[in-house]
Amino acid sequence: MAAGRQLGASIAKAGMSLIYGGGTRGIMGAVAAGCRENGGHVTGIIPRFLMNREASEDELVDLDELIVTEDMHERKHKMFERSDAFVALPGGIGTVEEIVEIMTWAQLGRHDKPMIFASINGFWDPMMALLDHMREEGFIHSANRVRPEVVQTVDEIVQILSSASQSRDGEEAVIERM
């Protein structure tokens, strides 16, 4: 939770915007709160069926922008379209599913946006070992496209995002928190 709040604050202080899944609870909520509390712009994209489950409608009015979708597929597509980078903080099945889909799209040449695993306290180490194993066995084709950054601290995330933003014509960076 502390890492999430710190990431949100760092995003805001760097002048970046946050696009995330719209929840106000858990680590996602902490990232959004940290960003909002430090003057950052926050866009939540949430499927209608998750409203009042991951966030109350009253809580969602605090966001700068709220996009309500009909389903998870539309949510992920909108998040993908509007984001310049993807960050996976420690999380569960949904986080794994979303970041794996983003890596799949990179492998298929749909994007070359930064993908970052925040392996706080080594959380994503088993996932990185699995990806290495899959690569060694030849199951990740176009492996040069599937090279997520792995960081151990939140501070490293914004440094990578800042570098990526500068290399993309100096546009404001917008990240998606998975």
N, C-alpha and C. Protein backbone atom coordinates (compact mmCIF):
# COMPACT_ATOMS: atom_id res chain seq x y z
N MET A 1 0.83 -1.19 0.00
CA MET A 1 0.00 0.00 0.00
C MET A 1 0.88 1.25 0.00
N ALA A 2 1.93 1.20 0.80
CA ALA A 2 2.83 2.35 0.86
C ALA A 2 3.52 2.57 -0.49
N ALA A 3 3.92 1.49 -1.13
CA ALA A 3 4.57 1.61 -2.44
C ALA A 3 3.59 2.17 -3.46
N GLY A 4 2.33 1.78 -3.40
CA GLY A 4 1.32 2.30 -4.30
C GLY A 4 1.12 3.80 -4.12
N ARG A 5 0.99 4.23 -2.89
CA ARG A 5 0.81 5.66 -2.60
C ARG A 5 2.03 6.45 -3.05
N GLN A 6 3.21 5.89 -2.80
CA GLN A 6 4.46 6.54 -3.22
C GLN A 6 4.54 6.65 -4.74
N LEU A 7 4.13 5.60 -5.44
CA LEU A 7 4.14 5.65 -6.90
C LEU A 7 3.20 6.74 -7.41
N GLY A 8 2.01 6.80 -6.86
CA GLY A 8 1.05 7.83 -7.27
C GLY A 8 1.61 9.23 -7.06
N ALA A 9 2.23 9.45 -5.91
CA ALA A 9 2.82 10.76 -5.63
C ALA A 9 3.94 11.08 -6.61
N SER A 10 4.77 10.09 -6.91
CA SER A 10 5.88 10.30 -7.85
C SER A 10 5.39 10.61 -9.25
N ILE A 11 4.31 9.94 -9.66
CA ILE A 11 3.72 10.20 -10.98
C ILE A 11 3.26 11.64 -11.07
N ALA A 12 2.55 12.08 -10.04
CA ALA A 12 2.04 13.46 -10.02
C ALA A 12 3.18 14.47 -10.03
N LYS A 13 4.18 14.25 -9.20
CA LYS A 13 5.31 15.20 -9.10
C LYS A 13 6.11 15.27 -10.39
N ALA A 14 6.08 14.18 -11.17
CA ALA A 14 6.80 14.17 -12.45
C ALA A 14 5.96 14.78 -13.58
N GLY A 15 4.74 15.20 -13.26
CA GLY A 15 3.87 15.81 -14.27
C GLY A 15 3.22 14.81 -15.20
N MET A 16 3.14 13.56 -14.77
CA MET A 16 2.52 12.52 -15.58
C MET A 16 1.08 12.32 -15.12
N SER A 17 0.29 11.68 -15.96
CA SER A 17 -1.09 11.34 -15.64
C SER A 17 -1.19 9.84 -15.38
N LEU A 18 -2.18 9.48 -14.59
CA LEU A 18 -2.41 8.07 -14.27
C LEU A 18 -3.71 7.61 -14.91
N ILE A 19 -3.63 6.51 -15.61
CA ILE A 19 -4.81 5.80 -16.09
C ILE A 19 -4.79 4.45 -15.40
N TYR A 20 -5.90 4.13 -14.74
CA TYR A 20 -5.91 2.87 -14.00
C TYR A 20 -7.32 2.31 -13.98
N GLY A 21 -7.49 1.17 -13.36
CA GLY A 21 -8.74 0.43 -13.41
C GLY A 21 -9.91 0.97 -12.64
N GLY A 22 -9.76 2.12 -11.97
CA GLY A 22 -10.88 2.79 -11.36
C GLY A 22 -11.22 2.41 -9.93
N GLY A 23 -10.58 1.38 -9.39
CA GLY A 23 -10.88 0.98 -8.02
C GLY A 23 -10.32 1.97 -7.00
N THR A 24 -10.99 2.06 -5.87
CA THR A 24 -10.51 2.96 -4.81
C THR A 24 -9.98 2.17 -3.61
N ARG A 25 -9.98 0.88 -3.71
CA ARG A 25 -9.50 0.02 -2.63
C ARG A 25 -8.18 -0.64 -3.04
N GLY A 26 -7.47 -1.16 -2.10
CA GLY A 26 -6.25 -1.89 -2.38
C GLY A 26 -5.14 -1.01 -2.95
N ILE A 27 -4.18 -1.68 -3.58
CA ILE A 27 -3.02 -0.97 -4.12
C ILE A 27 -3.43 -0.01 -5.23
N MET A 28 -4.39 -0.39 -6.08
CA MET A 28 -4.85 0.51 -7.14
C MET A 28 -5.38 1.80 -6.54
N GLY A 29 -6.17 1.68 -5.51
CA GLY A 29 -6.71 2.87 -4.84
C GLY A 29 -5.62 3.72 -4.22
N ALA A 30 -4.59 3.06 -3.68
CA ALA A 30 -3.47 3.80 -3.07
C ALA A 30 -2.70 4.59 -4.12
N VAL A 31 -2.48 4.00 -5.30
CA VAL A 31 -1.78 4.72 -6.37
C VAL A 31 -2.59 5.96 -6.77
N ALA A 32 -3.88 5.77 -6.98
CA ALA A 32 -4.75 6.89 -7.38
C ALA A 32 -4.78 7.97 -6.30
N ALA A 33 -4.90 7.56 -5.05
CA ALA A 33 -4.94 8.54 -3.96
C ALA A 33 -3.63 9.32 -3.88
N GLY A 34 -2.51 8.62 -3.98
CA GLY A 34 -1.21 9.29 -3.94
C GLY A 34 -1.06 10.29 -5.07
N CYS A 35 -1.56 9.94 -6.24
CA CYS A 35 -1.49 10.84 -7.40
C CYS A 35 -2.39 12.06 -7.18
N ARG A 36 -3.63 11.82 -6.79
CA ARG A 36 -4.58 12.93 -6.58
C ARG A 36 -4.10 13.86 -5.48
N GLU A 37 -3.61 13.30 -4.38
CA GLU A 37 -3.16 14.12 -3.24
C GLU A 37 -1.98 15.02 -3.59
N ASN A 38 -1.29 14.69 -4.68
CA ASN A 38 -0.13 15.49 -5.09
C ASN A 38 -0.39 16.27 -6.37
N GLY A 39 -1.67 16.46 -6.68
CA GLY A 39 -2.05 17.30 -7.80
C GLY A 39 -2.02 16.65 -9.17
N GLY A 40 -1.90 15.33 -9.20
CA GLY A 40 -1.85 14.62 -10.48
C GLY A 40 -3.22 14.40 -11.09
N HIS A 41 -3.25 14.19 -12.37
CA HIS A 41 -4.49 13.91 -13.11
C HIS A 41 -4.72 12.41 -13.11
N VAL A 42 -5.92 11.99 -12.71
CA VAL A 42 -6.24 10.57 -12.58
C VAL A 42 -7.49 10.24 -13.39
N THR A 43 -7.34 9.26 -14.28
CA THR A 43 -8.46 8.74 -15.06
C THR A 43 -8.71 7.30 -14.63
N GLY A 44 -9.92 7.02 -14.22
CA GLY A 44 -10.32 5.67 -13.87
C GLY A 44 -11.18 5.08 -14.97
N ILE A 45 -10.89 3.84 -15.35
CA ILE A 45 -11.68 3.14 -16.36
C ILE A 45 -12.19 1.87 -15.69
N ILE A 46 -13.49 1.81 -15.50
CA ILE A 46 -14.06 0.71 -14.72
C ILE A 46 -15.30 0.15 -15.41
N PRO A 47 -15.43 -1.17 -15.44
CA PRO A 47 -16.66 -1.75 -15.99
C PRO A 47 -17.83 -1.50 -15.04
N ARG A 48 -18.98 -1.31 -15.61
CA ARG A 48 -20.18 -1.01 -14.81
C ARG A 48 -20.39 -2.05 -13.70
N PHE A 49 -20.16 -3.34 -14.01
CA PHE A 49 -20.44 -4.38 -13.02
C PHE A 49 -19.51 -4.33 -11.81
N LEU A 50 -18.36 -3.63 -11.92
CA LEU A 50 -17.45 -3.51 -10.78
C LEU A 50 -17.72 -2.28 -9.93
N MET A 51 -18.56 -1.38 -10.43
CA MET A 51 -18.91 -0.21 -9.61
C MET A 51 -19.63 -0.70 -8.37
N ASN A 52 -19.33 -0.09 -7.28
CA ASN A 52 -19.85 -0.43 -5.96
C ASN A 52 -19.28 -1.76 -5.44
N ARG A 53 -18.35 -2.34 -6.19
CA ARG A 53 -17.63 -3.52 -5.73
C ARG A 53 -16.18 -3.11 -5.45
N GLU A 54 -15.56 -2.47 -6.44
CA GLU A 54 -14.18 -2.00 -6.28
C GLU A 54 -14.13 -0.52 -5.91
N ALA A 55 -15.23 0.18 -6.10
CA ALA A 55 -15.30 1.60 -5.76
C ALA A 55 -16.77 2.00 -5.71
N SER A 56 -17.11 2.84 -4.74
CA SER A 56 -18.48 3.35 -4.71
C SER A 56 -18.60 4.50 -5.70
N GLU A 57 -19.81 4.74 -6.14
CA GLU A 57 -20.03 5.85 -7.07
C GLU A 57 -19.64 7.16 -6.44
N ASP A 58 -19.83 7.30 -5.13
CA ASP A 58 -19.43 8.53 -4.43
C ASP A 58 -17.92 8.72 -4.46
N GLU A 59 -17.17 7.64 -4.33
CA GLU A 59 -15.70 7.73 -4.37
C GLU A 59 -15.20 8.07 -5.76
N LEU A 60 -15.89 7.59 -6.77
CA LEU A 60 -15.44 7.79 -8.15
C LEU A 60 -15.56 9.24 -8.61
N VAL A 61 -16.38 10.04 -7.94
CA VAL A 61 -16.50 11.45 -8.34
C VAL A 61 -15.22 12.22 -8.05
N ASP A 62 -14.33 11.68 -7.22
CA ASP A 62 -13.06 12.35 -6.92
C ASP A 62 -12.06 12.25 -8.07
N LEU A 63 -12.30 11.37 -9.02
CA LEU A 63 -11.39 11.23 -10.15
C LEU A 63 -11.54 12.41 -11.10
N ASP A 64 -10.46 12.74 -11.81
CA ASP A 64 -10.53 13.81 -12.80
C ASP A 64 -11.37 13.39 -13.99
N GLU A 65 -11.30 12.10 -14.31
CA GLU A 65 -12.05 11.57 -15.44
C GLU A 65 -12.46 10.14 -15.10
N LEU A 66 -13.69 9.81 -15.39
CA LEU A 66 -14.19 8.46 -15.16
C LEU A 66 -14.80 7.96 -16.46
N ILE A 67 -14.36 6.78 -16.87
CA ILE A 67 -14.91 6.13 -18.05
C ILE A 67 -15.50 4.81 -17.58
N VAL A 68 -16.78 4.64 -17.82
CA VAL A 68 -17.48 3.41 -17.43
C VAL A 68 -17.67 2.58 -18.69
N THR A 69 -17.21 1.33 -18.64
CA THR A 69 -17.31 0.43 -19.78
C THR A 69 -18.35 -0.65 -19.49
N GLU A 70 -18.69 -1.37 -20.53
CA GLU A 70 -19.67 -2.44 -20.37
C GLU A 70 -19.04 -3.74 -19.88
N ASP A 71 -17.74 -3.95 -20.16
CA ASP A 71 -17.11 -5.20 -19.74
C ASP A 71 -15.60 -5.02 -19.61
N MET A 72 -14.94 -6.07 -19.15
CA MET A 72 -13.49 -6.03 -18.93
C MET A 72 -12.73 -5.85 -20.24
N HIS A 73 -13.19 -6.48 -21.30
CA HIS A 73 -12.51 -6.37 -22.59
C HIS A 73 -12.46 -4.91 -23.04
N GLU A 74 -13.58 -4.23 -22.98
CA GLU A 74 -13.62 -2.81 -23.37
C GLU A 74 -12.74 -1.98 -22.45
N ARG A 75 -12.75 -2.29 -21.16
CA ARG A 75 -11.91 -1.58 -20.19
C ARG A 75 -10.45 -1.69 -20.59
N LYS A 76 -9.98 -2.92 -20.81
CA LYS A 76 -8.57 -3.13 -21.15
C LYS A 76 -8.20 -2.45 -22.46
N HIS A 77 -9.10 -2.50 -23.42
CA HIS A 77 -8.82 -1.86 -24.71
C HIS A 77 -8.68 -0.34 -24.54
N LYS A 78 -9.57 0.27 -23.78
CA LYS A 78 -9.49 1.71 -23.55
C LYS A 78 -8.22 2.07 -22.78
N MET A 79 -7.88 1.25 -21.79
CA MET A 79 -6.66 1.52 -21.02
C MET A 79 -5.44 1.41 -21.93
N PHE A 80 -5.43 0.41 -22.79
CA PHE A 80 -4.32 0.21 -23.71
C PHE A 80 -4.18 1.41 -24.65
N GLU A 81 -5.29 1.84 -25.24
CA GLU A 81 -5.26 2.95 -26.19
C GLU A 81 -4.75 4.25 -25.58
N ARG A 82 -5.10 4.49 -24.33
CA ARG A 82 -4.80 5.77 -23.70
C ARG A 82 -3.49 5.80 -22.93
N SER A 83 -2.83 4.67 -22.79
CA SER A 83 -1.62 4.60 -21.98
C SER A 83 -0.36 4.58 -22.82
N ASP A 84 0.69 5.17 -22.26
CA ASP A 84 2.00 5.19 -22.90
C ASP A 84 2.94 4.14 -22.30
N ALA A 85 2.55 3.57 -21.18
CA ALA A 85 3.37 2.57 -20.50
C ALA A 85 2.48 1.78 -19.56
N PHE A 86 2.98 0.63 -19.11
CA PHE A 86 2.21 -0.26 -18.26
C PHE A 86 3.06 -0.68 -17.07
N VAL A 87 2.48 -0.58 -15.88
CA VAL A 87 3.20 -0.92 -14.65
C VAL A 87 2.40 -1.97 -13.90
N ALA A 88 3.06 -3.06 -13.53
CA ALA A 88 2.43 -4.09 -12.70
C ALA A 88 3.06 -4.04 -11.32
N LEU A 89 2.29 -3.54 -10.37
CA LEU A 89 2.68 -3.62 -8.97
C LEU A 89 2.28 -5.01 -8.47
N PRO A 90 2.71 -5.40 -7.28
CA PRO A 90 2.25 -6.69 -6.76
C PRO A 90 0.73 -6.78 -6.81
N GLY A 91 0.25 -7.93 -7.26
CA GLY A 91 -1.19 -8.09 -7.40
C GLY A 91 -1.57 -9.54 -7.60
N GLY A 92 -2.81 -9.75 -7.93
CA GLY A 92 -3.34 -11.10 -8.06
C GLY A 92 -3.56 -11.53 -9.50
N ILE A 93 -4.51 -12.43 -9.68
CA ILE A 93 -4.80 -13.02 -10.98
C ILE A 93 -5.13 -11.96 -12.02
N GLY A 94 -5.93 -10.97 -11.65
CA GLY A 94 -6.28 -9.92 -12.60
C GLY A 94 -5.07 -9.16 -13.10
N THR A 95 -4.14 -8.86 -12.19
CA THR A 95 -2.91 -8.16 -12.57
C THR A 95 -2.10 -9.02 -13.53
N VAL A 96 -1.97 -10.30 -13.22
CA VAL A 96 -1.22 -11.21 -14.08
C VAL A 96 -1.86 -11.28 -15.46
N GLU A 97 -3.17 -11.43 -15.48
CA GLU A 97 -3.89 -11.54 -16.76
C GLU A 97 -3.68 -10.29 -17.61
N GLU A 98 -3.78 -9.13 -17.00
CA GLU A 98 -3.65 -7.88 -17.76
C GLU A 98 -2.23 -7.68 -18.29
N ILE A 99 -1.21 -7.90 -17.47
CA ILE A 99 0.16 -7.65 -17.93
C ILE A 99 0.59 -8.71 -18.95
N VAL A 100 0.10 -9.93 -18.81
CA VAL A 100 0.43 -10.96 -19.81
C VAL A 100 -0.21 -10.59 -21.15
N GLU A 101 -1.43 -10.08 -21.13
CA GLU A 101 -2.05 -9.65 -22.38
C GLU A 101 -1.24 -8.52 -23.03
N ILE A 102 -0.77 -7.58 -22.23
CA ILE A 102 0.05 -6.47 -22.75
C ILE A 102 1.34 -7.02 -23.35
N MET A 103 1.96 -8.00 -22.70
CA MET A 103 3.17 -8.61 -23.25
C MET A 103 2.86 -9.37 -24.53
N THR A 104 1.71 -10.03 -24.58
CA THR A 104 1.30 -10.74 -25.79
C THR A 104 1.16 -9.76 -26.95
N TRP A 105 0.52 -8.64 -26.69
CA TRP A 105 0.36 -7.63 -27.74
C TRP A 105 1.71 -7.08 -28.19
N ALA A 106 2.65 -6.96 -27.27
CA ALA A 106 4.00 -6.53 -27.66
C ALA A 106 4.64 -7.58 -28.56
N GLN A 107 4.52 -8.84 -28.18
CA GLN A 107 5.09 -9.93 -28.98
C GLN A 107 4.51 -9.94 -30.38
N LEU A 108 3.23 -9.59 -30.50
CA LEU A 108 2.56 -9.57 -31.80
C LEU A 108 2.80 -8.28 -32.57
N GLY A 109 3.60 -7.38 -31.99
CA GLY A 109 3.93 -6.13 -32.67
C GLY A 109 2.86 -5.06 -32.60
N ARG A 110 1.92 -5.18 -31.68
CA ARG A 110 0.86 -4.17 -31.55
C ARG A 110 1.33 -2.92 -30.83
N HIS A 111 2.43 -3.02 -30.07
CA HIS A 111 2.95 -1.83 -29.39
C HIS A 111 4.40 -2.07 -29.01
N ASP A 112 5.07 -0.98 -28.68
CA ASP A 112 6.43 -1.06 -28.14
C ASP A 112 6.54 -0.18 -26.90
N LYS A 113 5.44 -0.08 -26.17
CA LYS A 113 5.37 0.74 -24.97
C LYS A 113 6.08 0.04 -23.82
N PRO A 114 6.67 0.82 -22.92
CA PRO A 114 7.35 0.20 -21.77
C PRO A 114 6.39 -0.63 -20.92
N MET A 115 6.90 -1.77 -20.46
CA MET A 115 6.18 -2.66 -19.55
C MET A 115 7.09 -2.84 -18.35
N ILE A 116 6.58 -2.51 -17.18
CA ILE A 116 7.41 -2.50 -15.97
C ILE A 116 6.78 -3.37 -14.90
N PHE A 117 7.58 -4.28 -14.36
CA PHE A 117 7.17 -5.07 -13.20
C PHE A 117 7.85 -4.47 -11.98
N ALA A 118 7.06 -3.99 -11.04
CA ALA A 118 7.59 -3.47 -9.79
C ALA A 118 7.67 -4.65 -8.82
N SER A 119 8.84 -5.25 -8.77
CA SER A 119 9.02 -6.46 -7.97
C SER A 119 9.41 -6.09 -6.54
N ILE A 120 8.50 -5.39 -5.87
CA ILE A 120 8.72 -4.96 -4.50
C ILE A 120 8.92 -6.19 -3.61
N ASN A 121 10.01 -6.20 -2.87
CA ASN A 121 10.35 -7.34 -2.02
C ASN A 121 10.40 -8.66 -2.80
N GLY A 122 10.77 -8.58 -4.09
CA GLY A 122 10.93 -9.78 -4.91
C GLY A 122 9.62 -10.41 -5.36
N PHE A 123 8.51 -9.67 -5.26
CA PHE A 123 7.20 -10.24 -5.55
C PHE A 123 7.13 -10.91 -6.92
N TRP A 124 7.66 -10.27 -7.96
CA TRP A 124 7.54 -10.81 -9.32
C TRP A 124 8.69 -11.73 -9.72
N ASP A 125 9.60 -12.04 -8.82
CA ASP A 125 10.73 -12.91 -9.18
C ASP A 125 10.28 -14.26 -9.76
N PRO A 126 9.27 -14.93 -9.19
CA PRO A 126 8.82 -16.20 -9.80
C PRO A 126 8.28 -16.01 -11.22
N MET A 127 7.61 -14.90 -11.47
CA MET A 127 7.08 -14.62 -12.81
C MET A 127 8.24 -14.41 -13.79
N MET A 128 9.27 -13.70 -13.36
CA MET A 128 10.42 -13.45 -14.23
C MET A 128 11.15 -14.76 -14.53
N ALA A 129 11.22 -15.65 -13.53
CA ALA A 129 11.84 -16.96 -13.75
C ALA A 129 11.03 -17.76 -14.77
N LEU A 130 9.70 -17.68 -14.68
CA LEU A 130 8.85 -18.38 -15.65
C LEU A 130 9.06 -17.80 -17.05
N LEU A 131 9.11 -16.48 -17.19
CA LEU A 131 9.33 -15.87 -18.51
C LEU A 131 10.69 -16.28 -19.08
N ASP A 132 11.73 -16.30 -18.23
CA ASP A 132 13.05 -16.74 -18.67
C ASP A 132 12.99 -18.18 -19.16
N HIS A 133 12.31 -19.05 -18.41
CA HIS A 133 12.16 -20.45 -18.79
C HIS A 133 11.43 -20.58 -20.13
N MET A 134 10.35 -19.83 -20.30
CA MET A 134 9.59 -19.88 -21.55
C MET A 134 10.46 -19.41 -22.72
N ARG A 135 11.25 -18.38 -22.48
CA ARG A 135 12.14 -17.85 -23.53
C ARG A 135 13.20 -18.89 -23.89
N GLU A 136 13.81 -19.51 -22.87
CA GLU A 136 14.83 -20.53 -23.10
C GLU A 136 14.28 -21.73 -23.87
N GLU A 137 13.04 -22.07 -23.63
CA GLU A 137 12.40 -23.21 -24.29
C GLU A 137 11.86 -22.85 -25.67
N GLY A 138 11.97 -21.58 -26.06
CA GLY A 138 11.54 -21.15 -27.38
C GLY A 138 10.07 -20.82 -27.51
N PHE A 139 9.38 -20.65 -26.39
CA PHE A 139 7.96 -20.37 -26.45
C PHE A 139 7.61 -18.90 -26.51
N ILE A 140 8.59 -18.05 -26.37
CA ILE A 140 8.35 -16.61 -26.54
C ILE A 140 9.07 -16.22 -27.82
N HIS A 141 8.30 -16.20 -28.92
CA HIS A 141 8.89 -15.79 -30.18
C HIS A 141 8.94 -14.27 -30.18
N SER A 142 9.72 -13.71 -31.03
CA SER A 142 9.91 -12.25 -31.04
C SER A 142 10.31 -11.77 -29.65
N ALA A 143 11.17 -12.53 -29.00
CA ALA A 143 11.55 -12.24 -27.62
C ALA A 143 12.11 -10.83 -27.45
N ASN A 144 12.65 -10.26 -28.51
CA ASN A 144 13.16 -8.91 -28.40
C ASN A 144 12.04 -7.91 -28.12
N ARG A 145 10.80 -8.27 -28.42
CA ARG A 145 9.66 -7.38 -28.15
C ARG A 145 9.09 -7.58 -26.75
N VAL A 146 9.41 -8.69 -26.14
CA VAL A 146 8.87 -9.00 -24.82
C VAL A 146 9.99 -8.89 -23.80
N ARG A 147 10.35 -7.68 -23.50
CA ARG A 147 11.43 -7.39 -22.56
C ARG A 147 10.95 -6.42 -21.50
N PRO A 148 10.12 -6.89 -20.58
CA PRO A 148 9.66 -5.96 -19.55
C PRO A 148 10.82 -5.54 -18.65
N GLU A 149 10.74 -4.32 -18.18
CA GLU A 149 11.70 -3.83 -17.19
C GLU A 149 11.27 -4.40 -15.85
N VAL A 150 12.24 -4.77 -15.03
CA VAL A 150 11.95 -5.24 -13.69
C VAL A 150 12.70 -4.34 -12.72
N VAL A 151 11.95 -3.74 -11.81
CA VAL A 151 12.56 -2.84 -10.83
C VAL A 151 12.22 -3.33 -9.43
N GLN A 152 13.03 -2.92 -8.50
CA GLN A 152 12.82 -3.34 -7.12
C GLN A 152 12.19 -2.25 -6.26
N THR A 153 12.26 -0.98 -6.74
CA THR A 153 11.73 0.13 -5.97
C THR A 153 10.82 0.99 -6.83
N VAL A 154 9.93 1.69 -6.17
CA VAL A 154 9.00 2.58 -6.87
C VAL A 154 9.74 3.73 -7.55
N ASP A 155 10.80 4.22 -6.93
CA ASP A 155 11.55 5.34 -7.51
C ASP A 155 12.04 5.03 -8.92
N GLU A 156 12.40 3.80 -9.16
CA GLU A 156 12.91 3.41 -10.48
C GLU A 156 11.84 3.49 -11.56
N ILE A 157 10.58 3.33 -11.18
CA ILE A 157 9.49 3.33 -12.16
C ILE A 157 9.40 4.67 -12.86
N VAL A 158 9.36 5.74 -12.09
CA VAL A 158 9.19 7.07 -12.69
C VAL A 158 10.42 7.44 -13.51
N GLN A 159 11.60 6.98 -13.10
CA GLN A 159 12.81 7.24 -13.90
C GLN A 159 12.66 6.60 -15.29
N ILE A 160 12.20 5.37 -15.33
CA ILE A 160 12.02 4.68 -16.62
C ILE A 160 10.94 5.38 -17.44
N LEU A 161 9.84 5.74 -16.79
CA LEU A 161 8.76 6.42 -17.49
C LEU A 161 9.21 7.77 -18.04
N SER A 162 10.00 8.48 -17.28
CA SER A 162 10.51 9.79 -17.73
C SER A 162 11.40 9.62 -18.96
N SER A 163 12.26 8.62 -18.93
CA SER A 163 13.13 8.36 -20.08
C SER A 163 12.31 7.98 -21.30
N ALA A 164 11.30 7.13 -21.10
CA ALA A 164 10.45 6.70 -22.21
C ALA A 164 9.67 7.89 -22.77
N SER A 165 9.21 8.75 -21.89
CA SER A 165 8.44 9.91 -22.32
C SER A 165 9.30 10.85 -23.17
N GLN A 166 10.53 11.05 -22.77
CA GLN A 166 11.43 11.94 -23.52
C GLN A 166 11.74 11.36 -24.89
N SER A 167 11.82 10.06 -24.99
CA SER A 167 12.11 9.45 -26.28
C SER A 167 10.89 9.41 -27.19
N ARG A 168 9.71 9.72 -26.65
CA ARG A 168 8.47 9.76 -27.44
C ARG A 168 8.09 11.20 -27.74
N ASP A 169 9.01 11.97 -28.25
CA ASP A 169 8.76 13.35 -28.69
C ASP A 169 8.39 14.29 -27.56
N GLY A 170 8.81 14.01 -26.34
CA GLY A 170 8.57 14.92 -25.25
C GLY A 170 7.12 15.06 -24.82
N GLU A 171 6.24 14.16 -25.25
CA GLU A 171 4.85 14.23 -24.84
C GLU A 171 4.70 13.85 -23.37
N GLU A 172 3.63 14.33 -22.77
CA GLU A 172 3.34 13.98 -21.39
C GLU A 172 3.12 12.48 -21.30
N ALA A 173 3.74 11.85 -20.32
CA ALA A 173 3.60 10.41 -20.16
C ALA A 173 2.29 10.09 -19.44
N VAL A 174 1.65 9.06 -19.86
CA VAL A 174 0.45 8.56 -19.24
C VAL A 174 0.69 7.09 -18.96
N ILE A 175 0.58 6.69 -17.71
CA ILE A 175 0.85 5.28 -17.41
C ILE A 175 -0.41 4.57 -17.01
N GLU A 176 -0.40 3.29 -17.22
CA GLU A 176 -1.47 2.44 -16.77
C GLU A 176 -0.91 1.59 -15.65
N ARG A 177 -1.62 1.61 -14.55
CA ARG A 177 -1.27 0.74 -13.43
C ARG A 177 -2.11 -0.52 -13.59
N MET A 178 -1.46 -1.66 -13.69
CA MET A 178 -2.18 -2.92 -13.85
C MET A 178 -2.64 -3.42 -12.49
